[in-house]
Amino acid sequence: MNSSAELDEYERKLLSGWEEIYKRGLLTMWLLLAVRDRPRYPSEIAEFIDTMSQGTMAADQRSLYRAMRRLNDLELVETSNQPGRRTGADRTYYRITRTGQRVLDAFLDRHVRGIYLTSPAADLFTRPRPPMS
């Protein structure tokens, strides 16, 4: 059931605003997850995020480059120039650093695994919602 289909215009507007704030806060997590298993260049990062979030997260190219530059400055990712997988032209690839991996793991333990994937909070997302009176 798609509960967002049941929302009126005002409720959809509220949900949209909440989702924008939520997405901005999670972009760093998604970027680090995208480069955790292998180096990727920006369009591959965007594709990874779109696929893994089932289309609920997206970053425009400008935001993506800016965010990756910030993560590089913070030493959470590093860059290398390599021939592209599709065309062979040199591309900037991003890869998570040891520090980036440690910070990502701590974030996931603290805010994802430790809350959403364990009881009692996990039960909040899986149990049926009570009927509205």
N, C-alpha and C. Protein backbone atom coordinates (compact mmCIF):
# COMPACT_ATOMS: atom_id res chain seq x y z
N MET A 1 0.84 -1.18 0.00
CA MET A 1 0.00 0.00 0.00
C MET A 1 0.88 1.25 0.00
N ASN A 2 0.57 2.19 -0.84
CA ASN A 2 1.32 3.43 -0.93
C ASN A 2 0.58 4.50 -0.15
N SER A 3 0.99 4.71 1.11
CA SER A 3 0.27 5.63 1.98
C SER A 3 0.37 7.07 1.51
N SER A 4 1.39 7.42 0.71
CA SER A 4 1.49 8.79 0.23
C SER A 4 0.40 9.11 -0.78
N ALA A 5 -0.17 8.09 -1.42
CA ALA A 5 -1.26 8.32 -2.37
C ALA A 5 -2.52 8.79 -1.66
N GLU A 6 -2.62 8.51 -0.37
CA GLU A 6 -3.81 8.88 0.40
C GLU A 6 -3.75 10.29 0.95
N LEU A 7 -2.64 10.99 0.77
CA LEU A 7 -2.46 12.30 1.36
C LEU A 7 -3.17 13.38 0.56
N ASP A 8 -3.69 14.37 1.28
CA ASP A 8 -4.27 15.53 0.58
C ASP A 8 -3.13 16.48 0.19
N GLU A 9 -3.44 17.55 -0.49
CA GLU A 9 -2.42 18.46 -1.01
C GLU A 9 -1.53 19.05 0.10
N TYR A 10 -2.14 19.46 1.19
CA TYR A 10 -1.39 20.03 2.31
C TYR A 10 -0.44 18.99 2.91
N GLU A 11 -0.94 17.77 3.10
CA GLU A 11 -0.12 16.70 3.67
C GLU A 11 1.04 16.33 2.74
N ARG A 12 0.79 16.31 1.42
CA ARG A 12 1.87 16.04 0.45
C ARG A 12 2.93 17.13 0.52
N LYS A 13 2.52 18.38 0.71
CA LYS A 13 3.47 19.49 0.83
C LYS A 13 4.32 19.33 2.09
N LEU A 14 3.70 18.97 3.20
CA LEU A 14 4.44 18.73 4.44
C LEU A 14 5.44 17.59 4.27
N LEU A 15 4.99 16.50 3.67
CA LEU A 15 5.86 15.35 3.45
C LEU A 15 7.03 15.72 2.54
N SER A 16 6.78 16.47 1.50
CA SER A 16 7.83 16.88 0.58
C SER A 16 8.91 17.70 1.29
N GLY A 17 8.50 18.64 2.13
CA GLY A 17 9.46 19.44 2.89
C GLY A 17 10.29 18.59 3.83
N TRP A 18 9.64 17.67 4.50
CA TRP A 18 10.34 16.77 5.43
C TRP A 18 11.34 15.91 4.67
N GLU A 19 10.93 15.39 3.52
CA GLU A 19 11.81 14.53 2.73
C GLU A 19 13.04 15.30 2.24
N GLU A 20 12.89 16.55 1.86
CA GLU A 20 14.03 17.34 1.40
C GLU A 20 15.08 17.49 2.51
N ILE A 21 14.63 17.77 3.71
CA ILE A 21 15.55 17.89 4.86
C ILE A 21 16.19 16.54 5.16
N TYR A 22 15.40 15.50 5.14
CA TYR A 22 15.87 14.14 5.40
C TYR A 22 16.95 13.74 4.38
N LYS A 23 16.69 14.00 3.11
CA LYS A 23 17.62 13.63 2.04
C LYS A 23 18.94 14.38 2.15
N ARG A 24 18.88 15.67 2.45
CA ARG A 24 20.12 16.44 2.60
C ARG A 24 20.97 15.86 3.71
N GLY A 25 20.34 15.43 4.79
CA GLY A 25 21.06 14.87 5.92
C GLY A 25 21.68 13.51 5.63
N LEU A 26 21.12 12.78 4.69
CA LEU A 26 21.62 11.43 4.40
C LEU A 26 22.54 11.36 3.19
N LEU A 27 22.73 12.46 2.49
CA LEU A 27 23.55 12.43 1.28
C LEU A 27 24.96 11.93 1.56
N THR A 28 25.58 12.38 2.64
CA THR A 28 26.94 11.93 2.95
C THR A 28 26.99 10.43 3.13
N MET A 29 26.01 9.86 3.82
CA MET A 29 25.98 8.41 4.01
C MET A 29 25.92 7.70 2.66
N TRP A 30 25.02 8.14 1.78
CA TRP A 30 24.88 7.50 0.48
C TRP A 30 26.13 7.65 -0.37
N LEU A 31 26.78 8.81 -0.32
CA LEU A 31 28.01 9.01 -1.09
C LEU A 31 29.11 8.07 -0.62
N LEU A 32 29.25 7.94 0.70
CA LEU A 32 30.29 7.04 1.23
C LEU A 32 29.96 5.58 0.93
N LEU A 33 28.69 5.22 1.01
CA LEU A 33 28.30 3.84 0.65
C LEU A 33 28.60 3.56 -0.82
N ALA A 34 28.42 4.57 -1.66
CA ALA A 34 28.64 4.39 -3.10
C ALA A 34 30.09 4.07 -3.42
N VAL A 35 31.02 4.61 -2.65
CA VAL A 35 32.45 4.40 -2.96
C VAL A 35 33.12 3.45 -1.98
N ARG A 36 32.33 2.78 -1.18
CA ARG A 36 32.89 1.86 -0.17
C ARG A 36 33.47 0.60 -0.79
N ASP A 37 32.78 0.01 -1.74
CA ASP A 37 33.20 -1.29 -2.27
C ASP A 37 34.15 -1.21 -3.46
N ARG A 38 34.10 -0.09 -4.18
CA ARG A 38 34.99 0.09 -5.32
C ARG A 38 35.01 1.56 -5.71
N PRO A 39 36.08 2.00 -6.36
CA PRO A 39 36.13 3.39 -6.82
C PRO A 39 35.04 3.63 -7.88
N ARG A 40 34.45 4.82 -7.82
CA ARG A 40 33.43 5.19 -8.81
C ARG A 40 33.64 6.64 -9.22
N TYR A 41 33.24 6.96 -10.43
CA TYR A 41 33.24 8.35 -10.85
C TYR A 41 31.82 8.89 -10.66
N PRO A 42 31.65 10.22 -10.70
CA PRO A 42 30.38 10.82 -10.28
C PRO A 42 29.11 10.26 -10.91
N SER A 43 29.10 9.99 -12.21
CA SER A 43 27.85 9.47 -12.77
C SER A 43 27.56 8.06 -12.25
N GLU A 44 28.59 7.28 -11.96
CA GLU A 44 28.38 5.95 -11.35
C GLU A 44 27.87 6.09 -9.92
N ILE A 45 28.37 7.10 -9.21
CA ILE A 45 27.90 7.36 -7.84
C ILE A 45 26.42 7.71 -7.87
N ALA A 46 26.04 8.60 -8.79
CA ALA A 46 24.63 9.00 -8.90
C ALA A 46 23.75 7.81 -9.24
N GLU A 47 24.21 6.96 -10.15
CA GLU A 47 23.46 5.77 -10.55
C GLU A 47 23.32 4.79 -9.37
N PHE A 48 24.40 4.60 -8.62
CA PHE A 48 24.38 3.73 -7.44
C PHE A 48 23.32 4.22 -6.44
N ILE A 49 23.36 5.51 -6.14
CA ILE A 49 22.42 6.07 -5.16
C ILE A 49 20.99 5.91 -5.64
N ASP A 50 20.74 6.22 -6.90
CA ASP A 50 19.39 6.09 -7.44
C ASP A 50 18.89 4.65 -7.35
N THR A 51 19.75 3.70 -7.74
CA THR A 51 19.37 2.29 -7.72
C THR A 51 19.15 1.78 -6.29
N MET A 52 20.13 2.02 -5.42
CA MET A 52 20.04 1.47 -4.07
C MET A 52 18.96 2.13 -3.22
N SER A 53 18.64 3.38 -3.51
CA SER A 53 17.58 4.04 -2.74
C SER A 53 16.22 3.88 -3.43
N GLN A 54 16.18 3.08 -4.46
CA GLN A 54 14.97 2.82 -5.23
C GLN A 54 14.34 4.13 -5.73
N GLY A 55 15.21 5.03 -6.15
CA GLY A 55 14.76 6.28 -6.74
C GLY A 55 14.34 7.36 -5.76
N THR A 56 14.51 7.10 -4.46
CA THR A 56 14.07 8.10 -3.47
C THR A 56 15.14 9.12 -3.16
N MET A 57 16.39 8.84 -3.52
CA MET A 57 17.50 9.78 -3.30
C MET A 57 18.12 10.11 -4.64
N ALA A 58 18.42 11.37 -4.82
CA ALA A 58 19.12 11.79 -6.04
C ALA A 58 19.89 13.06 -5.72
N ALA A 59 20.98 13.24 -6.42
CA ALA A 59 21.76 14.47 -6.28
C ALA A 59 22.07 14.96 -7.68
N ASP A 60 21.83 16.24 -7.93
CA ASP A 60 22.20 16.77 -9.23
C ASP A 60 23.72 16.79 -9.33
N GLN A 61 24.23 16.88 -10.55
CA GLN A 61 25.68 16.79 -10.78
C GLN A 61 26.44 17.84 -9.99
N ARG A 62 25.93 19.05 -9.94
CA ARG A 62 26.62 20.13 -9.22
C ARG A 62 26.74 19.81 -7.73
N SER A 63 25.64 19.35 -7.14
CA SER A 63 25.64 19.00 -5.72
C SER A 63 26.57 17.82 -5.45
N LEU A 64 26.57 16.86 -6.36
CA LEU A 64 27.40 15.68 -6.21
C LEU A 64 28.89 16.06 -6.24
N TYR A 65 29.29 16.86 -7.21
CA TYR A 65 30.70 17.27 -7.29
C TYR A 65 31.10 18.08 -6.06
N ARG A 66 30.23 18.99 -5.65
CA ARG A 66 30.52 19.82 -4.47
C ARG A 66 30.66 18.95 -3.23
N ALA A 67 29.76 18.00 -3.05
CA ALA A 67 29.79 17.12 -1.88
C ALA A 67 31.04 16.23 -1.90
N MET A 68 31.39 15.71 -3.07
CA MET A 68 32.57 14.85 -3.14
C MET A 68 33.85 15.65 -2.89
N ARG A 69 33.89 16.88 -3.35
CA ARG A 69 35.04 17.75 -3.07
C ARG A 69 35.17 17.98 -1.56
N ARG A 70 34.02 18.22 -0.90
CA ARG A 70 34.02 18.42 0.55
C ARG A 70 34.50 17.16 1.26
N LEU A 71 34.03 15.99 0.84
CA LEU A 71 34.46 14.73 1.46
C LEU A 71 35.94 14.48 1.23
N ASN A 72 36.44 14.88 0.06
CA ASN A 72 37.87 14.76 -0.22
C ASN A 72 38.66 15.70 0.69
N ASP A 73 38.20 16.93 0.87
CA ASP A 73 38.87 17.88 1.76
C ASP A 73 38.91 17.37 3.20
N LEU A 74 37.88 16.63 3.59
CA LEU A 74 37.80 16.07 4.95
C LEU A 74 38.56 14.75 5.08
N GLU A 75 39.14 14.29 3.97
CA GLU A 75 39.90 13.04 3.91
C GLU A 75 39.04 11.80 4.18
N LEU A 76 37.76 11.90 3.80
CA LEU A 76 36.87 10.75 3.89
C LEU A 76 36.89 9.95 2.60
N VAL A 77 37.24 10.62 1.49
CA VAL A 77 37.43 9.95 0.21
C VAL A 77 38.73 10.47 -0.39
N GLU A 78 39.24 9.72 -1.36
CA GLU A 78 40.41 10.17 -2.11
C GLU A 78 40.10 9.99 -3.59
N THR A 79 40.85 10.69 -4.41
CA THR A 79 40.61 10.64 -5.84
C THR A 79 41.78 10.01 -6.57
N SER A 80 41.48 9.50 -7.75
CA SER A 80 42.52 9.04 -8.67
C SER A 80 41.97 9.21 -10.08
N ASN A 81 42.86 9.51 -11.00
CA ASN A 81 42.46 9.60 -12.41
C ASN A 81 42.76 8.27 -13.07
N GLN A 82 41.72 7.72 -13.70
CA GLN A 82 41.84 6.43 -14.37
C GLN A 82 41.07 6.48 -15.67
N PRO A 83 41.41 5.61 -16.61
CA PRO A 83 40.59 5.53 -17.82
C PRO A 83 39.17 5.09 -17.46
N GLY A 84 38.20 5.72 -18.05
CA GLY A 84 36.80 5.37 -17.79
C GLY A 84 36.48 3.96 -18.25
N ARG A 85 35.57 3.31 -17.56
CA ARG A 85 35.20 1.93 -17.90
C ARG A 85 34.50 1.85 -19.26
N ARG A 86 33.78 2.89 -19.63
CA ARG A 86 33.00 2.84 -20.87
C ARG A 86 33.76 3.41 -22.06
N THR A 87 34.40 4.58 -21.89
CA THR A 87 35.01 5.26 -23.04
C THR A 87 36.52 5.21 -23.05
N GLY A 88 37.14 4.94 -21.92
CA GLY A 88 38.59 4.94 -21.84
C GLY A 88 39.18 6.31 -21.56
N ALA A 89 38.36 7.38 -21.65
CA ALA A 89 38.85 8.72 -21.35
C ALA A 89 39.12 8.83 -19.85
N ASP A 90 40.13 9.62 -19.49
CA ASP A 90 40.46 9.80 -18.07
C ASP A 90 39.29 10.40 -17.31
N ARG A 91 39.02 9.82 -16.16
CA ARG A 91 37.95 10.27 -15.26
C ARG A 91 38.50 10.32 -13.85
N THR A 92 37.89 11.18 -13.06
CA THR A 92 38.24 11.23 -11.64
C THR A 92 37.37 10.23 -10.91
N TYR A 93 38.02 9.27 -10.29
CA TYR A 93 37.33 8.25 -9.49
C TYR A 93 37.50 8.59 -8.02
N TYR A 94 36.46 8.28 -7.27
CA TYR A 94 36.49 8.50 -5.82
C TYR A 94 36.47 7.15 -5.13
N ARG A 95 37.22 7.08 -4.04
CA ARG A 95 37.31 5.85 -3.25
C ARG A 95 37.32 6.26 -1.78
N ILE A 96 36.66 5.47 -0.95
CA ILE A 96 36.62 5.76 0.48
C ILE A 96 38.02 5.54 1.08
N THR A 97 38.38 6.36 2.04
CA THR A 97 39.64 6.19 2.75
C THR A 97 39.41 5.35 4.00
N ARG A 98 40.47 5.00 4.66
CA ARG A 98 40.35 4.26 5.93
C ARG A 98 39.55 5.09 6.93
N THR A 99 39.85 6.38 7.02
CA THR A 99 39.10 7.26 7.92
C THR A 99 37.64 7.31 7.51
N GLY A 100 37.39 7.43 6.21
CA GLY A 100 36.01 7.46 5.73
C GLY A 100 35.26 6.19 6.09
N GLN A 101 35.92 5.04 5.94
CA GLN A 101 35.29 3.76 6.28
C GLN A 101 34.98 3.68 7.77
N ARG A 102 35.91 4.13 8.58
CA ARG A 102 35.71 4.08 10.04
C ARG A 102 34.56 5.01 10.46
N VAL A 103 34.51 6.20 9.87
CA VAL A 103 33.45 7.14 10.19
C VAL A 103 32.10 6.61 9.69
N LEU A 104 32.06 6.07 8.48
CA LEU A 104 30.83 5.49 7.95
C LEU A 104 30.36 4.34 8.82
N ASP A 105 31.26 3.42 9.20
CA ASP A 105 30.87 2.30 10.05
C ASP A 105 30.30 2.78 11.38
N ALA A 106 30.94 3.79 11.98
CA ALA A 106 30.45 4.32 13.25
C ALA A 106 29.07 4.94 13.07
N PHE A 107 28.87 5.69 11.98
CA PHE A 107 27.57 6.29 11.70
C PHE A 107 26.50 5.22 11.52
N LEU A 108 26.82 4.20 10.71
CA LEU A 108 25.84 3.12 10.47
C LEU A 108 25.51 2.38 11.76
N ASP A 109 26.53 2.10 12.59
CA ASP A 109 26.27 1.43 13.87
C ASP A 109 25.39 2.28 14.76
N ARG A 110 25.68 3.56 14.82
CA ARG A 110 24.98 4.45 15.73
C ARG A 110 23.58 4.83 15.25
N HIS A 111 23.42 5.03 13.94
CA HIS A 111 22.17 5.60 13.44
C HIS A 111 21.35 4.70 12.53
N VAL A 112 21.90 3.61 12.07
CA VAL A 112 21.14 2.73 11.19
C VAL A 112 21.01 1.35 11.83
N ARG A 113 22.12 0.63 11.92
CA ARG A 113 22.06 -0.73 12.49
C ARG A 113 21.54 -0.71 13.92
N GLY A 114 22.05 0.22 14.71
CA GLY A 114 21.70 0.27 16.12
C GLY A 114 20.29 0.72 16.42
N ILE A 115 19.63 1.31 15.44
CA ILE A 115 18.26 1.79 15.66
C ILE A 115 17.27 1.06 14.77
N TYR A 116 17.42 1.23 13.46
CA TYR A 116 16.41 0.74 12.52
C TYR A 116 16.42 -0.77 12.34
N LEU A 117 17.54 -1.41 12.61
CA LEU A 117 17.63 -2.84 12.35
C LEU A 117 17.52 -3.71 13.61
N THR A 118 17.36 -3.09 14.76
CA THR A 118 17.23 -3.86 16.00
C THR A 118 15.98 -3.42 16.76
N SER A 119 15.47 -4.32 17.58
CA SER A 119 14.31 -3.99 18.41
C SER A 119 14.75 -3.05 19.51
N PRO A 120 13.91 -2.25 20.05
CA PRO A 120 12.48 -2.16 19.77
C PRO A 120 12.14 -1.28 18.57
N ALA A 121 13.05 -0.44 18.10
CA ALA A 121 12.71 0.48 17.01
C ALA A 121 12.36 -0.24 15.72
N ALA A 122 13.03 -1.34 15.41
CA ALA A 122 12.74 -2.06 14.16
C ALA A 122 11.29 -2.48 14.12
N ASP A 123 10.73 -2.80 15.27
CA ASP A 123 9.33 -3.21 15.33
C ASP A 123 8.38 -2.08 14.91
N LEU A 124 8.80 -0.84 15.13
CA LEU A 124 7.95 0.30 14.74
C LEU A 124 7.72 0.35 13.24
N PHE A 125 8.68 -0.15 12.46
CA PHE A 125 8.59 -0.07 11.01
C PHE A 125 7.92 -1.28 10.38
N THR A 126 7.78 -2.35 11.14
CA THR A 126 7.24 -3.58 10.56
C THR A 126 5.86 -3.94 11.08
N ARG A 127 5.49 -3.47 12.24
CA ARG A 127 4.17 -3.86 12.76
C ARG A 127 3.08 -3.07 12.04
N PRO A 128 1.91 -3.66 11.93
CA PRO A 128 0.79 -2.96 11.27
C PRO A 128 0.41 -1.69 12.03
N ARG A 129 0.02 -0.68 11.31
CA ARG A 129 -0.39 0.55 11.99
C ARG A 129 -1.81 0.38 12.50
N PRO A 130 -2.08 1.00 13.64
CA PRO A 130 -3.44 0.90 14.20
C PRO A 130 -4.42 1.70 13.35
N PRO A 131 -5.67 1.27 13.33
CA PRO A 131 -6.68 2.00 12.55
C PRO A 131 -6.89 3.40 13.13
N MET A 132 -7.13 4.36 12.24
CA MET A 132 -7.40 5.74 12.67
C MET A 132 -8.86 5.84 13.05
N SER A 133 -9.11 6.55 14.15
CA SER A 133 -10.53 6.69 14.57
C SER A 133 -11.11 7.98 14.08
